[in-house]
Amino acid sequence: MQDHRNSEQNCTPLPPYDIDDPILSLIGDTSMVKYPDELSGDLWVKLEKENPTGSMKDRIALGMILEMRASGELSDDDLVVEASSGNTAGGVALVANRLGLDNTITTPETTSGQKMGYVEAFGSELVTCPDVDSSEPGHYRSTAERIADERDGVFLNQYHNQLNPQVHEKWTGPELWNQTEDLTHVVCPMGTGGTLSGIGKYVKEQDDSVEIIGVDAERSNISTSFYDEEPVDYDTKIEGLGKGSETPTMWFDYIDCVVSVGDDTAISWTKKAARDQGLLIGPSAGAALSVAHSIAETDEDTTVVLIACDGGEQYFDLLTDS
């Protein structure tokens, strides 16, 4: 895959931050590999599992903290607090570790042990919370907000912080654009929506004809919000996919459509990628693969990029029959 059309664009420094730390400098610049299946069009997979803690959430962890330090919202003496049901926890713990920041992560008790393990391994404080509705005071996001208030900390709040999509607009979008030629579609799973929103805004500003496609869980309210439909009871076993309601980090103006995918389909395509193609991706990426594959399979004039937000290495309980 060649660099994109504009030589001036190719000179844009990536990443957009001055990073002199040897570990944090590993974040970003992830590979784009061609999906090894015979298809009419081209399907490329951006492997965000190459980031240090195995997901694209390392990007927003670093970007939000650096941007907030630069603006004065966060000082070196502040406690950094974040709420995460999965990958953001490890990313924030890593960045806090390398920058010497005190850090507390709140997470629901249903979060996988491997993802919680990053937090403890990097020396951050981990607070596990009951898996209750977001309206309950014991919910992990409410708990993070309370801890930040009580301990005079700074709550990053990936679910509301506009830096979440802005980091991807500034970083992941240009990176993806530089890696592709004749791009027609970007397909990405949605949780907070920040990744697709930021990428979508940047890509649309380069070429408005590129279709930006979000992938939601079947029983989730990203798609119902997007299409102005009646909400459903949020229920999915796919980590990082879907939300109970729309969040401010979802920039729908830059998204063309949202496709809902059932849990069984997501898991089936995750297994298919591993067993048939030797590609380990997470189940949210498996959901997105079912959509991206269908596009590339039926149209020879397509160049589809799938954002694989994390790898299958964290989900062997789903990938194996044992």
C-alpha atoms as a PDB file:
ATOM      1  CA  MET A   1       0.000   0.000   0.000  1.00  0.00           C
ATOM      2  CA  GLN A   2       1.445   3.331  -1.076  1.00  0.00           C
ATOM      3  CA  ASP A   3       1.535   6.718   0.613  1.00  0.00           C
ATOM      4  CA  HIS A   4      -1.360   8.978  -0.321  1.00  0.00           C
ATOM      5  CA  ARG A   5      -1.741  11.538  -3.046  1.00  0.00           C
ATOM      6  CA  ASN A   6      -0.333  14.701  -1.532  1.00  0.00           C
ATOM      7  CA  SER A   7       3.419  15.067  -1.031  1.00  0.00           C
ATOM      8  CA  GLU A   8       2.894  17.935   1.406  1.00  0.00           C
ATOM      9  CA  GLN A   9       0.565  15.716   3.446  1.00  0.00           C
ATOM     10  CA  ASN A  10       3.214  12.990   3.484  1.00  0.00           C
ATOM     11  CA  CYS A  11       5.580  15.424   5.221  1.00  0.00           C
ATOM     12  CA  THR A  12       3.202  15.894   8.161  1.00  0.00           C
ATOM     13  CA  PRO A  13       4.990  14.614  11.290  1.00  0.00           C
ATOM     14  CA  LEU A  14       3.423  11.561  12.874  1.00  0.00           C
ATOM     15  CA  PRO A  15       2.650  11.407  15.731  1.00  0.00           C
ATOM     16  CA  PRO A  16       1.593  15.018  16.330  1.00  0.00           C
ATOM     17  CA  TYR A  17       3.190  15.081  19.785  1.00  0.00           C
ATOM     18  CA  ASP A  18       6.766  15.609  20.938  1.00  0.00           C
ATOM     19  CA  ILE A  19       7.437  12.242  22.582  1.00  0.00           C
ATOM     20  CA  ASP A  20      10.943  11.511  23.818  1.00  0.00           C
ATOM     21  CA  ASP A  21      10.018   8.560  26.045  1.00  0.00           C
ATOM     22  CA  PRO A  22      11.217   5.220  24.572  1.00  0.00           C
ATOM     23  CA  ILE A  23       8.060   3.362  25.633  1.00  0.00           C
ATOM     24  CA  LEU A  24       5.454   5.997  24.798  1.00  0.00           C
ATOM     25  CA  SER A  25       7.098   6.540  21.414  1.00  0.00           C
ATOM     26  CA  LEU A  26       5.898   3.036  20.508  1.00  0.00           C
ATOM     27  CA  ILE A  27       2.313   4.304  20.419  1.00  0.00           C
ATOM     28  CA  GLY A  28       0.888   4.836  16.935  1.00  0.00           C
ATOM     29  CA  ASP A  29       2.308   4.186  13.471  1.00  0.00           C
ATOM     30  CA  THR A  30       0.510   0.837  13.418  1.00  0.00           C
ATOM     31  CA  SER A  31       0.633  -1.494  10.439  1.00  0.00           C
ATOM     32  CA  MET A  32      -1.929  -1.730   7.672  1.00  0.00           C
ATOM     33  CA  VAL A  33      -2.103  -5.301   6.326  1.00  0.00           C
ATOM     34  CA  LYS A  34      -4.128  -6.687   3.461  1.00  0.00           C
ATOM     35  CA  TYR A  35      -6.780  -9.151   4.569  1.00  0.00           C
ATOM     36  CA  PRO A  36      -5.583 -12.464   3.105  1.00  0.00           C
ATOM     37  CA  ASP A  37      -8.816 -13.553   1.450  1.00  0.00           C
ATOM     38  CA  GLU A  38      -9.753 -13.530  -2.227  1.00  0.00           C
ATOM     39  CA  LEU A  39     -12.146 -10.604  -2.594  1.00  0.00           C
ATOM     40  CA  SER A  40     -13.369  -8.464  -5.476  1.00  0.00           C
ATOM     41  CA  GLY A  41     -12.120  -5.276  -3.844  1.00  0.00           C
ATOM     42  CA  ASP A  42      -9.286  -4.529  -1.433  1.00  0.00           C
ATOM     43  CA  LEU A  43      -9.691  -4.952   2.317  1.00  0.00           C
ATOM     44  CA  TRP A  44      -6.987  -3.610   4.610  1.00  0.00           C
ATOM     45  CA  VAL A  45      -6.797  -4.074   8.374  1.00  0.00           C
ATOM     46  CA  LYS A  46      -5.180  -1.458  10.616  1.00  0.00           C
ATOM     47  CA  LEU A  47      -3.662  -3.392  13.516  1.00  0.00           C
ATOM     48  CA  GLU A  48      -4.045  -1.238  16.609  1.00  0.00           C
ATOM     49  CA  LYS A  49      -2.953  -4.169  18.765  1.00  0.00           C
ATOM     50  CA  GLU A  50       0.613  -3.109  17.945  1.00  0.00           C
ATOM     51  CA  ASN A  51       0.323  -0.335  20.536  1.00  0.00           C
ATOM     52  CA  PRO A  52       2.100  -1.128  23.836  1.00  0.00           C
ATOM     53  CA  THR A  53      -0.957  -2.272  25.810  1.00  0.00           C
ATOM     54  CA  GLY A  54      -2.521  -3.933  22.799  1.00  0.00           C
ATOM     55  CA  SER A  55      -5.167  -1.453  21.694  1.00  0.00           C
ATOM     56  CA  MET A  56      -5.822   1.899  20.062  1.00  0.00           C
ATOM     57  CA  LYS A  57      -6.822   3.307  23.453  1.00  0.00           C
ATOM     58  CA  ASP A  58      -3.122   4.009  24.069  1.00  0.00           C
ATOM     59  CA  ARG A  59      -3.518   6.864  21.584  1.00  0.00           C
ATOM     60  CA  ILE A  60      -6.226   8.704  23.510  1.00  0.00           C
ATOM     61  CA  ALA A  61      -4.563   7.988  26.850  1.00  0.00           C
ATOM     62  CA  LEU A  62      -1.383   9.703  25.674  1.00  0.00           C
ATOM     63  CA  GLY A  63      -3.096  12.375  23.599  1.00  0.00           C
ATOM     64  CA  MET A  64      -5.633  13.454  26.223  1.00  0.00           C
ATOM     65  CA  ILE A  65      -3.045  13.641  29.002  1.00  0.00           C
ATOM     66  CA  LEU A  66      -0.523  15.575  26.895  1.00  0.00           C
ATOM     67  CA  GLU A  67      -3.180  17.975  25.605  1.00  0.00           C
ATOM     68  CA  MET A  68      -4.557  18.570  29.109  1.00  0.00           C
ATOM     69  CA  ARG A  69      -1.067  19.194  30.474  1.00  0.00           C
ATOM     70  CA  ALA A  70      -0.353  21.660  27.677  1.00  0.00           C
ATOM     71  CA  SER A  71      -3.605  23.553  28.344  1.00  0.00           C
ATOM     72  CA  GLY A  72      -3.045  23.682  32.095  1.00  0.00           C
ATOM     73  CA  GLU A  73      -6.032  21.466  32.917  1.00  0.00           C
ATOM     74  CA  LEU A  74      -3.663  18.850  34.350  1.00  0.00           C
ATOM     75  CA  SER A  75      -0.499  19.407  36.358  1.00  0.00           C
ATOM     76  CA  ASP A  76       2.261  16.991  37.306  1.00  0.00           C
ATOM     77  CA  ASP A  77       0.977  16.934  40.899  1.00  0.00           C
ATOM     78  CA  ASP A  78      -2.616  16.045  40.007  1.00  0.00           C
ATOM     79  CA  LEU A  79      -4.191  12.645  40.488  1.00  0.00           C
ATOM     80  CA  VAL A  80      -5.328  11.317  37.101  1.00  0.00           C
ATOM     81  CA  VAL A  81      -8.661   9.489  37.356  1.00  0.00           C
ATOM     82  CA  GLU A  82     -10.293   7.530  34.551  1.00  0.00           C
ATOM     83  CA  ALA A  83     -13.254   5.190  34.169  1.00  0.00           C
ATOM     84  CA  SER A  84     -12.849   2.278  31.779  1.00  0.00           C
ATOM     85  CA  SER A  85     -14.639  -0.963  31.037  1.00  0.00           C
ATOM     86  CA  GLY A  86     -11.633  -2.260  29.131  1.00  0.00           C
ATOM     87  CA  ASN A  87      -8.693  -1.077  27.074  1.00  0.00           C
ATOM     88  CA  THR A  88      -8.466   2.563  28.154  1.00  0.00           C
ATOM     89  CA  ALA A  89      -7.561   1.410  31.658  1.00  0.00           C
ATOM     90  CA  GLY A  90      -4.261  -0.081  30.534  1.00  0.00           C
ATOM     91  CA  GLY A  91      -3.432   2.827  28.255  1.00  0.00           C
ATOM     92  CA  VAL A  92      -3.933   5.446  30.966  1.00  0.00           C
ATOM     93  CA  ALA A  93      -2.019   3.342  33.504  1.00  0.00           C
ATOM     94  CA  LEU A  94       0.933   3.064  31.116  1.00  0.00           C
ATOM     95  CA  VAL A  95       1.026   6.767  30.266  1.00  0.00           C
ATOM     96  CA  ALA A  96       0.701   7.749  33.924  1.00  0.00           C
ATOM     97  CA  ASN A  97       3.529   5.359  34.790  1.00  0.00           C
ATOM     98  CA  ARG A  98       5.897   6.799  32.198  1.00  0.00           C
ATOM     99  CA  LEU A  99       5.043  10.428  33.001  1.00  0.00           C
ATOM    100  CA  GLY A 100       5.252   9.941  36.763  1.00  0.00           C
ATOM    101  CA  LEU A 101       1.597  10.756  37.435  1.00  0.00           C
ATOM    102  CA  ASP A 102      -0.499   9.312  40.256  1.00  0.00           C
ATOM    103  CA  ASN A 103      -3.402   7.411  38.738  1.00  0.00           C
ATOM    104  CA  THR A 104      -6.645   5.734  39.793  1.00  0.00           C
ATOM    105  CA  ILE A 105      -8.741   3.618  37.423  1.00  0.00           C
ATOM    106  CA  THR A 106     -12.335   2.577  38.085  1.00  0.00           C
ATOM    107  CA  THR A 107     -13.707  -0.396  36.200  1.00  0.00           C
ATOM    108  CA  PRO A 108     -16.758  -2.683  36.391  1.00  0.00           C
ATOM    109  CA  GLU A 109     -16.174  -6.043  38.022  1.00  0.00           C
ATOM    110  CA  THR A 110     -17.025  -7.743  34.721  1.00  0.00           C
ATOM    111  CA  THR A 111     -13.868  -6.381  33.026  1.00  0.00           C
ATOM    112  CA  SER A 112     -11.465  -9.154  32.019  1.00  0.00           C
ATOM    113  CA  GLY A 113      -8.618  -9.989  34.380  1.00  0.00           C
ATOM    114  CA  GLN A 114      -6.058  -9.397  31.652  1.00  0.00           C
ATOM    115  CA  LYS A 115      -7.222  -5.826  31.075  1.00  0.00           C
ATOM    116  CA  MET A 116      -7.333  -5.095  34.796  1.00  0.00           C
ATOM    117  CA  GLY A 117      -3.892  -6.677  35.036  1.00  0.00           C
ATOM    118  CA  TYR A 118      -2.329  -3.839  33.038  1.00  0.00           C
ATOM    119  CA  VAL A 119      -3.498  -1.355  35.660  1.00  0.00           C
ATOM    120  CA  GLU A 120      -1.949  -3.215  38.570  1.00  0.00           C
ATOM    121  CA  ALA A 121       1.206  -4.139  36.644  1.00  0.00           C
ATOM    122  CA  PHE A 122       1.941  -0.470  35.926  1.00  0.00           C
ATOM    123  CA  GLY A 123       1.380   0.470  39.578  1.00  0.00           C
ATOM    124  CA  SER A 124      -1.924   2.327  39.271  1.00  0.00           C
ATOM    125  CA  GLU A 125      -4.709   2.085  41.820  1.00  0.00           C
ATOM    126  CA  LEU A 126      -7.574  -0.120  40.628  1.00  0.00           C
ATOM    127  CA  VAL A 127     -11.100   0.344  41.987  1.00  0.00           C
ATOM    128  CA  THR A 128     -13.560  -2.336  40.858  1.00  0.00           C
ATOM    129  CA  CYS A 129     -17.235  -1.405  40.883  1.00  0.00           C
ATOM    130  CA  PRO A 130     -20.481  -3.386  40.697  1.00  0.00           C
ATOM    131  CA  ASP A 131     -21.881  -3.916  37.214  1.00  0.00           C
ATOM    132  CA  VAL A 132     -24.896  -1.651  37.687  1.00  0.00           C
ATOM    133  CA  ASP A 133     -26.870   0.748  35.514  1.00  0.00           C
ATOM    134  CA  SER A 134     -25.161   4.034  34.702  1.00  0.00           C
ATOM    135  CA  SER A 135     -27.807   5.875  36.730  1.00  0.00           C
ATOM    136  CA  GLU A 136     -26.666   4.126  39.931  1.00  0.00           C
ATOM    137  CA  PRO A 137     -24.191   5.915  42.242  1.00  0.00           C
ATOM    138  CA  GLY A 138     -21.975   2.817  42.364  1.00  0.00           C
ATOM    139  CA  HIS A 139     -21.477   2.771  38.583  1.00  0.00           C
ATOM    140  CA  TYR A 140     -17.814   2.909  37.607  1.00  0.00           C
ATOM    141  CA  ARG A 141     -18.142   6.277  35.865  1.00  0.00           C
ATOM    142  CA  SER A 142     -19.970   7.844  38.808  1.00  0.00           C
ATOM    143  CA  THR A 143     -17.325   6.387  41.104  1.00  0.00           C
ATOM    144  CA  ALA A 144     -14.513   7.933  39.051  1.00  0.00           C
ATOM    145  CA  GLU A 145     -16.197  11.322  39.177  1.00  0.00           C
ATOM    146  CA  ARG A 146     -16.661  11.036  42.935  1.00  0.00           C
ATOM    147  CA  ILE A 147     -13.023  10.032  43.501  1.00  0.00           C
ATOM    148  CA  ALA A 148     -11.809  12.965  41.412  1.00  0.00           C
ATOM    149  CA  ASP A 149     -13.995  15.344  43.451  1.00  0.00           C
ATOM    150  CA  GLU A 150     -13.022  13.923  46.834  1.00  0.00           C
ATOM    151  CA  ARG A 151      -9.288  13.739  46.129  1.00  0.00           C
ATOM    152  CA  ASP A 152      -8.969  16.895  44.053  1.00  0.00           C
ATOM    153  CA  GLY A 153      -8.077  14.826  40.999  1.00  0.00           C
ATOM    154  CA  VAL A 154      -8.614  15.303  37.277  1.00  0.00           C
ATOM    155  CA  PHE A 155     -11.190  13.026  35.611  1.00  0.00           C
ATOM    156  CA  LEU A 156     -10.167  12.369  31.991  1.00  0.00           C
ATOM    157  CA  ASN A 157     -13.686  11.121  31.139  1.00  0.00           C
ATOM    158  CA  GLN A 158     -13.208   9.509  27.729  1.00  0.00           C
ATOM    159  CA  TYR A 159     -17.002   9.282  27.341  1.00  0.00           C
ATOM    160  CA  HIS A 160     -17.489  13.059  27.305  1.00  0.00           C
ATOM    161  CA  ASN A 161     -14.068  14.585  26.681  1.00  0.00           C
ATOM    162  CA  GLN A 162     -13.882  16.051  23.171  1.00  0.00           C
ATOM    163  CA  LEU A 163     -10.147  15.345  23.197  1.00  0.00           C
ATOM    164  CA  ASN A 164     -11.064  11.683  22.615  1.00  0.00           C
ATOM    165  CA  PRO A 165     -12.188  12.190  18.989  1.00  0.00           C
ATOM    166  CA  GLN A 166      -9.862  15.174  18.544  1.00  0.00           C
ATOM    167  CA  VAL A 167      -6.791  13.022  19.223  1.00  0.00           C
ATOM    168  CA  HIS A 168      -7.886  10.636  16.465  1.00  0.00           C
ATOM    169  CA  GLU A 169      -8.624  13.544  14.129  1.00  0.00           C
ATOM    170  CA  LYS A 170      -5.136  14.890  14.769  1.00  0.00           C
ATOM    171  CA  TRP A 171      -3.265  11.587  14.818  1.00  0.00           C
ATOM    172  CA  THR A 172      -4.993   8.401  13.623  1.00  0.00           C
ATOM    173  CA  GLY A 173      -6.838  10.057  10.733  1.00  0.00           C
ATOM    174  CA  PRO A 174      -3.723  11.522   9.042  1.00  0.00           C
ATOM    175  CA  GLU A 175      -1.814   8.308   9.736  1.00  0.00           C
ATOM    176  CA  LEU A 176      -4.472   6.176   8.051  1.00  0.00           C
ATOM    177  CA  TRP A 177      -4.781   8.622   5.140  1.00  0.00           C
ATOM    178  CA  ASN A 178      -1.031   8.477   4.517  1.00  0.00           C
ATOM    179  CA  GLN A 179      -1.146   4.678   4.444  1.00  0.00           C
ATOM    180  CA  THR A 180      -3.882   4.355   1.818  1.00  0.00           C
ATOM    181  CA  GLU A 181      -4.542   5.043  -1.827  1.00  0.00           C
ATOM    182  CA  ASP A 182      -7.956   5.301  -3.494  1.00  0.00           C
ATOM    183  CA  LEU A 183      -9.718   4.896  -0.153  1.00  0.00           C
ATOM    184  CA  THR A 184     -13.479   4.315  -0.456  1.00  0.00           C
ATOM    185  CA  HIS A 185     -14.628   3.063   2.978  1.00  0.00           C
ATOM    186  CA  VAL A 186     -13.552   3.172   6.611  1.00  0.00           C
ATOM    187  CA  VAL A 187     -15.239   0.624   8.885  1.00  0.00           C
ATOM    188  CA  CYS A 188     -14.777   0.787  12.649  1.00  0.00           C
ATOM    189  CA  PRO A 189     -16.469  -0.609  15.761  1.00  0.00           C
ATOM    190  CA  MET A 190     -18.023   2.005  18.029  1.00  0.00           C
ATOM    191  CA  GLY A 191     -17.941   2.247  21.822  1.00  0.00           C
ATOM    192  CA  THR A 192     -17.295   5.845  22.843  1.00  0.00           C
ATOM    193  CA  GLY A 193     -17.286   6.569  19.105  1.00  0.00           C
ATOM    194  CA  GLY A 194     -14.146   8.663  19.428  1.00  0.00           C
ATOM    195  CA  THR A 195     -11.976   6.661  17.042  1.00  0.00           C
ATOM    196  CA  LEU A 196     -14.393   6.666  14.113  1.00  0.00           C
ATOM    197  CA  SER A 197     -15.534  10.240  14.746  1.00  0.00           C
ATOM    198  CA  GLY A 198     -12.027  11.677  14.685  1.00  0.00           C
ATOM    199  CA  ILE A 199     -10.898   9.584  11.733  1.00  0.00           C
ATOM    200  CA  GLY A 200     -14.148  10.315   9.921  1.00  0.00           C
ATOM    201  CA  LYS A 201     -13.824  14.070  10.327  1.00  0.00           C
ATOM    202  CA  TYR A 202     -10.256  14.097   9.031  1.00  0.00           C
ATOM    203  CA  VAL A 203     -10.962  11.761   6.107  1.00  0.00           C
ATOM    204  CA  LYS A 204     -14.153  13.594   5.096  1.00  0.00           C
ATOM    205  CA  GLU A 205     -12.193  16.854   4.964  1.00  0.00           C
ATOM    206  CA  GLN A 206      -9.765  15.207   2.525  1.00  0.00           C
ATOM    207  CA  ASP A 207     -12.383  13.398   0.414  1.00  0.00           C
ATOM    208  CA  ASP A 208     -16.066  13.660   1.276  1.00  0.00           C
ATOM    209  CA  SER A 209     -16.940  10.686  -0.950  1.00  0.00           C
ATOM    210  CA  VAL A 210     -15.242   8.199   1.404  1.00  0.00           C
ATOM    211  CA  GLU A 211     -17.933   6.304   3.318  1.00  0.00           C
ATOM    212  CA  ILE A 212     -17.471   6.285   7.089  1.00  0.00           C
ATOM    213  CA  ILE A 213     -19.252   3.279   8.595  1.00  0.00           C
ATOM    214  CA  GLY A 214     -19.754   2.615  12.290  1.00  0.00           C
ATOM    215  CA  VAL A 215     -20.435  -0.846  13.674  1.00  0.00           C
ATOM    216  CA  ASP A 216     -22.639  -1.235  16.742  1.00  0.00           C
ATOM    217  CA  ALA A 217     -23.810  -4.152  18.851  1.00  0.00           C
ATOM    218  CA  GLU A 218     -27.257  -5.483  17.992  1.00  0.00           C
ATOM    219  CA  ARG A 219     -28.791  -4.501  21.334  1.00  0.00           C
ATOM    220  CA  SER A 220     -27.189  -1.101  21.717  1.00  0.00           C
ATOM    221  CA  ASN A 221     -28.259   2.504  21.378  1.00  0.00           C
ATOM    222  CA  ILE A 222     -25.595   3.978  19.138  1.00  0.00           C
ATOM    223  CA  SER A 223     -27.561   2.896  16.076  1.00  0.00           C
ATOM    224  CA  THR A 224     -30.925   3.849  17.604  1.00  0.00           C
ATOM    225  CA  SER A 225     -29.566   7.318  18.378  1.00  0.00           C
ATOM    226  CA  PHE A 226     -28.056   7.643  14.907  1.00  0.00           C
ATOM    227  CA  TYR A 227     -31.336   6.711  13.199  1.00  0.00           C
ATOM    228  CA  ASP A 228     -33.552   8.455  15.790  1.00  0.00           C
ATOM    229  CA  GLU A 229     -35.268   5.208  16.793  1.00  0.00           C
ATOM    230  CA  GLU A 230     -36.681   3.999  20.093  1.00  0.00           C
ATOM    231  CA  PRO A 231     -33.907   2.936  22.502  1.00  0.00           C
ATOM    232  CA  VAL A 232     -33.419  -0.699  23.470  1.00  0.00           C
ATOM    233  CA  ASP A 233     -32.111  -2.369  26.615  1.00  0.00           C
ATOM    234  CA  TYR A 234     -28.340  -2.397  26.131  1.00  0.00           C
ATOM    235  CA  ASP A 235     -27.052  -5.966  26.234  1.00  0.00           C
ATOM    236  CA  THR A 236     -23.929  -7.368  24.567  1.00  0.00           C
ATOM    237  CA  LYS A 237     -21.087  -9.660  25.574  1.00  0.00           C
ATOM    238  CA  ILE A 238     -18.683  -8.017  23.104  1.00  0.00           C
ATOM    239  CA  GLU A 239     -16.277  -5.842  25.103  1.00  0.00           C
ATOM    240  CA  GLY A 240     -15.884  -2.320  23.768  1.00  0.00           C
ATOM    241  CA  LEU A 241     -18.826  -2.515  21.364  1.00  0.00           C
ATOM    242  CA  GLY A 242     -21.970  -0.439  21.717  1.00  0.00           C
ATOM    243  CA  LYS A 243     -23.305   1.868  24.400  1.00  0.00           C
ATOM    244  CA  GLY A 244     -26.476   2.336  26.409  1.00  0.00           C
ATOM    245  CA  SER A 245     -26.900   5.827  24.986  1.00  0.00           C
ATOM    246  CA  GLU A 246     -25.299   8.367  22.668  1.00  0.00           C
ATOM    247  CA  THR A 247     -22.232  10.126  24.089  1.00  0.00           C
ATOM    248  CA  PRO A 248     -20.812  13.571  23.182  1.00  0.00           C
ATOM    249  CA  THR A 249     -17.767  11.859  21.657  1.00  0.00           C
ATOM    250  CA  MET A 250     -19.886  10.523  18.792  1.00  0.00           C
ATOM    251  CA  TRP A 251     -19.677  12.998  15.913  1.00  0.00           C
ATOM    252  CA  PHE A 252     -22.545  11.681  13.791  1.00  0.00           C
ATOM    253  CA  ASP A 253     -22.106  14.465  11.217  1.00  0.00           C
ATOM    254  CA  TYR A 254     -19.011  12.658   9.914  1.00  0.00           C
ATOM    255  CA  ILE A 255     -20.497   9.144   9.907  1.00  0.00           C
ATOM    256  CA  ASP A 256     -22.529   7.885   6.934  1.00  0.00           C
ATOM    257  CA  CYS A 257     -24.195   4.867   8.501  1.00  0.00           C
ATOM    258  CA  VAL A 258     -24.157   2.610  11.549  1.00  0.00           C
ATOM    259  CA  VAL A 259     -24.590  -1.146  11.132  1.00  0.00           C
ATOM    260  CA  SER A 260     -25.717  -3.346  14.022  1.00  0.00           C
ATOM    261  CA  VAL A 261     -24.077  -6.767  14.369  1.00  0.00           C
ATOM    262  CA  GLY A 262     -25.162  -9.564  16.701  1.00  0.00           C
ATOM    263  CA  ASP A 263     -22.839 -11.094  19.280  1.00  0.00           C
ATOM    264  CA  ASP A 264     -22.796 -14.513  17.603  1.00  0.00           C
ATOM    265  CA  THR A 265     -21.859 -12.966  14.254  1.00  0.00           C
ATOM    266  CA  ALA A 266     -19.072 -10.941  15.859  1.00  0.00           C
ATOM    267  CA  ILE A 267     -17.598 -13.996  17.568  1.00  0.00           C
ATOM    268  CA  SER A 268     -17.999 -16.144  14.447  1.00  0.00           C
ATOM    269  CA  TRP A 269     -16.051 -13.659  12.303  1.00  0.00           C
ATOM    270  CA  THR A 270     -13.383 -13.283  14.988  1.00  0.00           C
ATOM    271  CA  LYS A 271     -12.866 -17.047  14.952  1.00  0.00           C
ATOM    272  CA  LYS A 272     -12.982 -17.113  11.147  1.00  0.00           C
ATOM    273  CA  ALA A 273     -10.220 -14.504  10.885  1.00  0.00           C
ATOM    274  CA  ALA A 274      -8.014 -16.552  13.217  1.00  0.00           C
ATOM    275  CA  ARG A 275      -8.688 -20.038  11.866  1.00  0.00           C
ATOM    276  CA  ASP A 276      -8.945 -19.270   8.161  1.00  0.00           C
ATOM    277  CA  GLN A 277      -6.527 -16.348   7.827  1.00  0.00           C
ATOM    278  CA  GLY A 278      -4.182 -16.508  10.831  1.00  0.00           C
ATOM    279  CA  LEU A 279      -5.273 -13.046  11.958  1.00  0.00           C
ATOM    280  CA  LEU A 280      -5.924 -12.514  15.672  1.00  0.00           C
ATOM    281  CA  ILE A 281      -8.340  -9.640  16.189  1.00  0.00           C
ATOM    282  CA  GLY A 282     -10.704  -8.783  19.022  1.00  0.00           C
ATOM    283  CA  PRO A 283     -14.438  -9.511  18.758  1.00  0.00           C
ATOM    284  CA  SER A 284     -15.393  -5.856  18.217  1.00  0.00           C
ATOM    285  CA  ALA A 285     -13.129  -5.981  15.160  1.00  0.00           C
ATOM    286  CA  GLY A 286     -14.776  -9.288  14.255  1.00  0.00           C
ATOM    287  CA  ALA A 287     -18.117  -7.485  14.159  1.00  0.00           C
ATOM    288  CA  ALA A 288     -16.627  -4.795  11.926  1.00  0.00           C
ATOM    289  CA  LEU A 289     -14.962  -7.438   9.740  1.00  0.00           C
ATOM    290  CA  SER A 290     -18.356  -8.946   8.920  1.00  0.00           C
ATOM    291  CA  VAL A 291     -19.380  -5.558   7.499  1.00  0.00           C
ATOM    292  CA  ALA A 292     -16.094  -4.658   5.798  1.00  0.00           C
ATOM    293  CA  HIS A 293     -15.751  -8.102   4.193  1.00  0.00           C
ATOM    294  CA  SER A 294     -19.245  -7.847   2.699  1.00  0.00           C
ATOM    295  CA  ILE A 295     -18.381  -4.507   1.070  1.00  0.00           C
ATOM    296  CA  ALA A 296     -15.061  -5.676  -0.390  1.00  0.00           C
ATOM    297  CA  GLU A 297     -16.542  -9.001  -1.478  1.00  0.00           C
ATOM    298  CA  THR A 298     -19.194  -7.451  -3.707  1.00  0.00           C
ATOM    299  CA  ASP A 299     -17.496  -4.406  -5.266  1.00  0.00           C
ATOM    300  CA  GLU A 300     -14.184  -4.587  -7.127  1.00  0.00           C
ATOM    301  CA  ASP A 301     -13.774  -0.809  -7.056  1.00  0.00           C
ATOM    302  CA  THR A 302     -13.536  -0.600  -3.278  1.00  0.00           C
ATOM    303  CA  THR A 303     -10.604   0.014  -0.972  1.00  0.00           C
ATOM    304  CA  VAL A 304     -11.897  -0.682   2.517  1.00  0.00           C
ATOM    305  CA  VAL A 305      -9.963  -0.022   5.726  1.00  0.00           C
ATOM    306  CA  LEU A 306     -11.056  -1.904   8.835  1.00  0.00           C
ATOM    307  CA  ILE A 307      -9.908  -0.518  12.182  1.00  0.00           C
ATOM    308  CA  ALA A 308      -9.055  -3.524  14.374  1.00  0.00           C
ATOM    309  CA  CYS A 309      -9.120  -1.780  17.751  1.00  0.00           C
ATOM    310  CA  ASP A 310      -7.357  -4.601  19.587  1.00  0.00           C
ATOM    311  CA  GLY A 311      -6.087  -8.145  19.129  1.00  0.00           C
ATOM    312  CA  GLY A 312      -7.476 -11.591  19.798  1.00  0.00           C
ATOM    313  CA  GLU A 313      -4.726 -12.297  22.321  1.00  0.00           C
ATOM    314  CA  GLN A 314      -6.977 -10.830  25.022  1.00  0.00           C
ATOM    315  CA  TYR A 315      -9.981 -12.982  24.118  1.00  0.00           C
ATOM    316  CA  PHE A 316      -8.880 -16.610  23.964  1.00  0.00           C
ATOM    317  CA  ASP A 317     -11.888 -17.517  26.094  1.00  0.00           C
ATOM    318  CA  LEU A 318     -14.025 -16.546  23.082  1.00  0.00           C
ATOM    319  CA  LEU A 319     -11.679 -17.833  20.379  1.00  0.00           C
ATOM    320  CA  THR A 320     -11.267 -21.343  21.764  1.00  0.00           C
ATOM    321  CA  ASP A 321     -13.900 -23.952  22.460  1.00  0.00           C
ATOM    322  CA  SER A 322     -12.463 -24.899  25.840  1.00  0.00           C
END
